[in-house]
Amino acid sequence: MPVYPQNQKAPPNVVYAQLKFMWASGSKEESLDFLRSFAANLSRDLEAETAQRGQRGGVSKQKLDELARLLARCYFKQGEWQMELSDNWATVRVDALLFQR
């Protein structure tokens, strides 16, 4: 994954696209680990923005909705990838999949 200067970050949709590219290129475990971390951070940031939305102008509702849809895609992709990497995915509990580290 490319390294960006501390003060410059890639937009979330670009990070998601990069993770899918990493997966397709064969870096499956690494991309799944990054996706888990990315989804957790995005979820935390989205929750904080939503909670503060009434207190300050911040991010538009349209942008929050876009990020929420991206987060849903991240969780869906995380499940797909975990199923592909796990031999016994049918016997694993859902909460174990979501919070696996």
N, C-alpha and C. Protein backbone atom coordinates (compact mmCIF):
# COMPACT_ATOMS: atom_id res chain seq x y z
N MET A 1 0.84 -1.16 0.00
CA MET A 1 0.00 0.00 0.00
C MET A 1 0.89 1.23 0.00
N PRO A 2 0.57 2.23 -0.82
CA PRO A 2 1.42 3.40 -0.89
C PRO A 2 1.47 4.14 0.44
N VAL A 3 2.61 4.78 0.68
CA VAL A 3 2.77 5.56 1.90
C VAL A 3 2.58 7.03 1.52
N TYR A 4 1.71 7.70 2.27
CA TYR A 4 1.42 9.11 2.03
C TYR A 4 2.04 9.93 3.15
N PRO A 5 2.43 11.18 2.85
CA PRO A 5 2.91 12.05 3.93
C PRO A 5 1.86 12.16 5.02
N GLN A 6 2.30 12.46 6.23
CA GLN A 6 1.41 12.54 7.39
C GLN A 6 0.21 13.45 7.15
N ASN A 7 0.40 14.56 6.45
CA ASN A 7 -0.68 15.53 6.28
C ASN A 7 -1.53 15.27 5.04
N GLN A 8 -1.27 14.20 4.31
CA GLN A 8 -2.01 13.91 3.09
C GLN A 8 -2.52 12.48 3.13
N LYS A 9 -3.83 12.32 2.94
CA LYS A 9 -4.43 10.99 2.95
C LYS A 9 -5.21 10.79 1.67
N ALA A 10 -5.29 9.54 1.25
CA ALA A 10 -6.10 9.22 0.07
C ALA A 10 -7.57 9.21 0.48
N PRO A 11 -8.47 9.59 -0.42
CA PRO A 11 -9.91 9.51 -0.11
C PRO A 11 -10.30 8.06 0.18
N PRO A 12 -11.31 7.86 1.04
CA PRO A 12 -11.70 6.50 1.43
C PRO A 12 -12.03 5.59 0.25
N ASN A 13 -12.70 6.11 -0.78
CA ASN A 13 -13.03 5.26 -1.93
C ASN A 13 -11.78 4.81 -2.68
N VAL A 14 -10.73 5.62 -2.65
CA VAL A 14 -9.46 5.24 -3.29
C VAL A 14 -8.77 4.16 -2.48
N VAL A 15 -8.81 4.29 -1.16
CA VAL A 15 -8.22 3.26 -0.29
C VAL A 15 -8.93 1.92 -0.52
N TYR A 16 -10.26 1.96 -0.59
CA TYR A 16 -11.03 0.74 -0.83
C TYR A 16 -10.65 0.10 -2.18
N ALA A 17 -10.53 0.91 -3.21
CA ALA A 17 -10.13 0.40 -4.52
C ALA A 17 -8.73 -0.21 -4.47
N GLN A 18 -7.81 0.42 -3.74
CA GLN A 18 -6.45 -0.10 -3.60
C GLN A 18 -6.46 -1.46 -2.89
N LEU A 19 -7.30 -1.59 -1.87
CA LEU A 19 -7.39 -2.87 -1.15
C LEU A 19 -7.92 -3.98 -2.06
N LYS A 20 -8.92 -3.65 -2.88
CA LYS A 20 -9.44 -4.66 -3.82
C LYS A 20 -8.37 -5.04 -4.84
N PHE A 21 -7.56 -4.08 -5.26
CA PHE A 21 -6.46 -4.37 -6.19
C PHE A 21 -5.43 -5.27 -5.53
N MET A 22 -5.09 -4.97 -4.27
CA MET A 22 -4.14 -5.82 -3.54
C MET A 22 -4.64 -7.25 -3.46
N TRP A 23 -5.93 -7.41 -3.17
CA TRP A 23 -6.53 -8.74 -3.08
C TRP A 23 -6.40 -9.45 -4.43
N ALA A 24 -6.77 -8.78 -5.49
CA ALA A 24 -6.73 -9.37 -6.83
C ALA A 24 -5.30 -9.71 -7.25
N SER A 25 -4.33 -8.98 -6.70
CA SER A 25 -2.92 -9.21 -7.03
C SER A 25 -2.30 -10.34 -6.23
N GLY A 26 -3.08 -10.90 -5.29
CA GLY A 26 -2.59 -12.05 -4.55
C GLY A 26 -2.21 -11.79 -3.10
N SER A 27 -2.22 -10.56 -2.66
CA SER A 27 -1.89 -10.23 -1.27
C SER A 27 -3.14 -10.35 -0.41
N LYS A 28 -3.66 -11.56 -0.33
CA LYS A 28 -4.98 -11.76 0.26
C LYS A 28 -5.01 -11.54 1.77
N GLU A 29 -4.13 -12.15 2.51
CA GLU A 29 -4.12 -11.97 3.97
C GLU A 29 -3.86 -10.51 4.33
N GLU A 30 -2.89 -9.92 3.68
CA GLU A 30 -2.53 -8.53 3.96
C GLU A 30 -3.68 -7.58 3.63
N SER A 31 -4.32 -7.78 2.49
CA SER A 31 -5.41 -6.88 2.11
C SER A 31 -6.61 -7.06 3.04
N LEU A 32 -6.86 -8.30 3.50
CA LEU A 32 -7.95 -8.52 4.45
C LEU A 32 -7.65 -7.81 5.77
N ASP A 33 -6.41 -7.90 6.24
CA ASP A 33 -6.03 -7.21 7.47
C ASP A 33 -6.21 -5.70 7.33
N PHE A 34 -5.76 -5.15 6.21
CA PHE A 34 -5.92 -3.71 5.97
C PHE A 34 -7.40 -3.35 5.88
N LEU A 35 -8.20 -4.19 5.23
CA LEU A 35 -9.63 -3.91 5.09
C LEU A 35 -10.30 -3.88 6.46
N ARG A 36 -9.95 -4.82 7.33
CA ARG A 36 -10.52 -4.84 8.68
C ARG A 36 -10.19 -3.53 9.41
N SER A 37 -8.95 -3.13 9.34
CA SER A 37 -8.52 -1.90 10.01
C SER A 37 -9.19 -0.68 9.39
N PHE A 38 -9.24 -0.64 8.07
CA PHE A 38 -9.86 0.47 7.36
C PHE A 38 -11.34 0.59 7.71
N ALA A 39 -12.06 -0.53 7.73
CA ALA A 39 -13.49 -0.52 8.05
C ALA A 39 -13.71 -0.08 9.49
N ALA A 40 -12.89 -0.53 10.40
CA ALA A 40 -13.02 -0.13 11.81
C ALA A 40 -12.80 1.38 11.96
N ASN A 41 -11.77 1.90 11.30
CA ASN A 41 -11.49 3.33 11.37
C ASN A 41 -12.60 4.14 10.71
N LEU A 42 -13.07 3.69 9.56
CA LEU A 42 -14.14 4.39 8.86
C LEU A 42 -15.41 4.40 9.71
N SER A 43 -15.72 3.30 10.34
CA SER A 43 -16.88 3.21 11.21
C SER A 43 -16.78 4.19 12.37
N ARG A 44 -15.62 4.21 13.01
CA ARG A 44 -15.38 5.12 14.13
C ARG A 44 -15.51 6.58 13.68
N ASP A 45 -14.88 6.92 12.55
CA ASP A 45 -14.94 8.29 12.05
C ASP A 45 -16.35 8.69 11.65
N LEU A 46 -17.06 7.79 11.03
CA LEU A 46 -18.44 8.06 10.60
C LEU A 46 -19.34 8.26 11.82
N GLU A 47 -19.15 7.44 12.83
CA GLU A 47 -19.94 7.59 14.05
C GLU A 47 -19.67 8.94 14.73
N ALA A 48 -18.39 9.32 14.80
CA ALA A 48 -18.03 10.60 15.42
C ALA A 48 -18.60 11.78 14.63
N GLU A 49 -18.50 11.72 13.30
CA GLU A 49 -19.04 12.79 12.45
C GLU A 49 -20.55 12.90 12.60
N THR A 50 -21.23 11.76 12.65
CA THR A 50 -22.68 11.74 12.77
C THR A 50 -23.10 12.32 14.12
N ALA A 51 -22.39 11.97 15.18
CA ALA A 51 -22.71 12.47 16.52
C ALA A 51 -22.49 13.98 16.62
N GLN A 52 -21.49 14.51 15.93
CA GLN A 52 -21.17 15.93 16.00
C GLN A 52 -21.89 16.76 14.96
N ARG A 53 -22.61 16.12 14.09
CA ARG A 53 -23.26 16.82 12.98
C ARG A 53 -24.17 17.94 13.45
N GLY A 54 -24.91 17.74 14.53
CA GLY A 54 -25.81 18.77 15.03
C GLY A 54 -25.08 19.92 15.69
N GLN A 55 -23.86 19.69 16.18
CA GLN A 55 -23.11 20.71 16.90
C GLN A 55 -22.33 21.63 15.98
N ARG A 56 -21.96 21.12 14.82
CA ARG A 56 -21.18 21.93 13.87
C ARG A 56 -21.54 21.51 12.46
N GLY A 57 -21.28 22.37 11.51
CA GLY A 57 -21.63 22.10 10.12
C GLY A 57 -20.94 20.88 9.55
N GLY A 58 -19.64 20.80 9.69
CA GLY A 58 -18.85 19.65 9.29
C GLY A 58 -19.15 19.08 7.91
N VAL A 59 -19.35 17.79 7.88
CA VAL A 59 -19.54 17.02 6.65
C VAL A 59 -21.02 17.03 6.25
N SER A 60 -21.27 17.15 4.95
CA SER A 60 -22.65 17.19 4.47
C SER A 60 -23.33 15.82 4.64
N LYS A 61 -24.65 15.85 4.68
CA LYS A 61 -25.43 14.61 4.78
C LYS A 61 -25.14 13.71 3.59
N GLN A 62 -25.00 14.29 2.41
CA GLN A 62 -24.71 13.51 1.20
C GLN A 62 -23.38 12.77 1.35
N LYS A 63 -22.36 13.44 1.89
CA LYS A 63 -21.05 12.81 2.09
C LYS A 63 -21.14 11.70 3.15
N LEU A 64 -21.89 11.96 4.22
CA LEU A 64 -22.06 10.94 5.26
C LEU A 64 -22.76 9.71 4.70
N ASP A 65 -23.78 9.92 3.86
CA ASP A 65 -24.47 8.80 3.23
C ASP A 65 -23.54 8.01 2.32
N GLU A 66 -22.71 8.73 1.58
CA GLU A 66 -21.73 8.08 0.69
C GLU A 66 -20.75 7.22 1.49
N LEU A 67 -20.28 7.76 2.62
CA LEU A 67 -19.35 7.01 3.46
C LEU A 67 -20.02 5.81 4.12
N ALA A 68 -21.29 5.96 4.48
CA ALA A 68 -22.04 4.83 5.06
C ALA A 68 -22.19 3.71 4.03
N ARG A 69 -22.45 4.06 2.78
CA ARG A 69 -22.55 3.03 1.73
C ARG A 69 -21.19 2.36 1.50
N LEU A 70 -20.12 3.14 1.55
CA LEU A 70 -18.78 2.57 1.40
C LEU A 70 -18.49 1.61 2.55
N LEU A 71 -18.88 1.99 3.76
CA LEU A 71 -18.66 1.12 4.92
C LEU A 71 -19.42 -0.19 4.75
N ALA A 72 -20.64 -0.12 4.26
CA ALA A 72 -21.42 -1.35 4.01
C ALA A 72 -20.71 -2.23 2.99
N ARG A 73 -20.16 -1.63 1.94
CA ARG A 73 -19.42 -2.41 0.93
C ARG A 73 -18.18 -3.04 1.55
N CYS A 74 -17.53 -2.31 2.45
CA CYS A 74 -16.34 -2.84 3.13
C CYS A 74 -16.69 -4.08 3.95
N TYR A 75 -17.76 -4.00 4.72
CA TYR A 75 -18.16 -5.14 5.53
C TYR A 75 -18.56 -6.33 4.66
N PHE A 76 -19.26 -6.07 3.57
CA PHE A 76 -19.64 -7.14 2.66
C PHE A 76 -18.40 -7.80 2.06
N LYS A 77 -17.47 -6.98 1.59
CA LYS A 77 -16.24 -7.51 0.99
C LYS A 77 -15.42 -8.26 2.03
N GLN A 78 -15.39 -7.76 3.25
CA GLN A 78 -14.66 -8.44 4.33
C GLN A 78 -15.23 -9.84 4.54
N GLY A 79 -16.55 -9.97 4.54
CA GLY A 79 -17.17 -11.28 4.69
C GLY A 79 -16.84 -12.20 3.53
N GLU A 80 -16.89 -11.67 2.32
CA GLU A 80 -16.54 -12.49 1.14
C GLU A 80 -15.11 -13.00 1.23
N TRP A 81 -14.20 -12.11 1.56
CA TRP A 81 -12.79 -12.49 1.62
C TRP A 81 -12.53 -13.49 2.75
N GLN A 82 -13.15 -13.27 3.90
CA GLN A 82 -12.96 -14.21 5.01
C GLN A 82 -13.49 -15.58 4.65
N MET A 83 -14.63 -15.62 3.96
CA MET A 83 -15.18 -16.91 3.54
C MET A 83 -14.23 -17.61 2.57
N GLU A 84 -13.64 -16.85 1.66
CA GLU A 84 -12.73 -17.45 0.69
C GLU A 84 -11.47 -18.01 1.35
N LEU A 85 -10.99 -17.33 2.38
CA LEU A 85 -9.76 -17.77 3.04
C LEU A 85 -9.99 -18.85 4.09
N SER A 86 -11.22 -19.03 4.52
CA SER A 86 -11.52 -19.99 5.59
C SER A 86 -12.07 -21.27 5.00
N ASP A 87 -11.48 -22.38 5.40
CA ASP A 87 -11.94 -23.68 4.92
C ASP A 87 -13.28 -24.08 5.55
N ASN A 88 -13.50 -23.68 6.79
CA ASN A 88 -14.70 -24.10 7.51
C ASN A 88 -15.58 -22.90 7.84
N TRP A 89 -15.79 -22.01 6.90
CA TRP A 89 -16.53 -20.77 7.14
C TRP A 89 -17.96 -21.00 7.59
N ALA A 90 -18.57 -22.11 7.21
CA ALA A 90 -19.96 -22.34 7.56
C ALA A 90 -20.13 -22.62 9.06
N THR A 91 -19.07 -23.02 9.74
CA THR A 91 -19.18 -23.34 11.16
C THR A 91 -18.73 -22.20 12.06
N VAL A 92 -18.28 -21.10 11.49
CA VAL A 92 -17.79 -19.97 12.27
C VAL A 92 -18.96 -19.07 12.65
N ARG A 93 -18.97 -18.58 13.88
CA ARG A 93 -20.02 -17.67 14.33
C ARG A 93 -19.86 -16.31 13.66
N VAL A 94 -20.95 -15.63 13.43
CA VAL A 94 -20.94 -14.33 12.75
C VAL A 94 -20.11 -13.32 13.52
N ASP A 95 -20.28 -13.23 14.84
CA ASP A 95 -19.53 -12.25 15.61
C ASP A 95 -18.03 -12.54 15.56
N ALA A 96 -17.65 -13.80 15.43
CA ALA A 96 -16.24 -14.14 15.31
C ALA A 96 -15.67 -13.63 13.99
N LEU A 97 -16.49 -13.65 12.94
CA LEU A 97 -16.04 -13.13 11.65
C LEU A 97 -15.88 -11.62 11.68
N LEU A 98 -16.84 -10.93 12.26
CA LEU A 98 -16.83 -9.47 12.25
C LEU A 98 -15.72 -8.88 13.10
N PHE A 99 -15.41 -9.53 14.21
CA PHE A 99 -14.46 -8.95 15.13
C PHE A 99 -13.15 -9.71 15.22
N GLN A 100 -12.88 -10.53 14.23
CA GLN A 100 -11.65 -11.32 14.18
C GLN A 100 -10.47 -10.39 13.95
N ARG A 101 -9.40 -10.59 14.64
CA ARG A 101 -8.17 -9.78 14.48
C ARG A 101 -7.01 -10.65 14.16
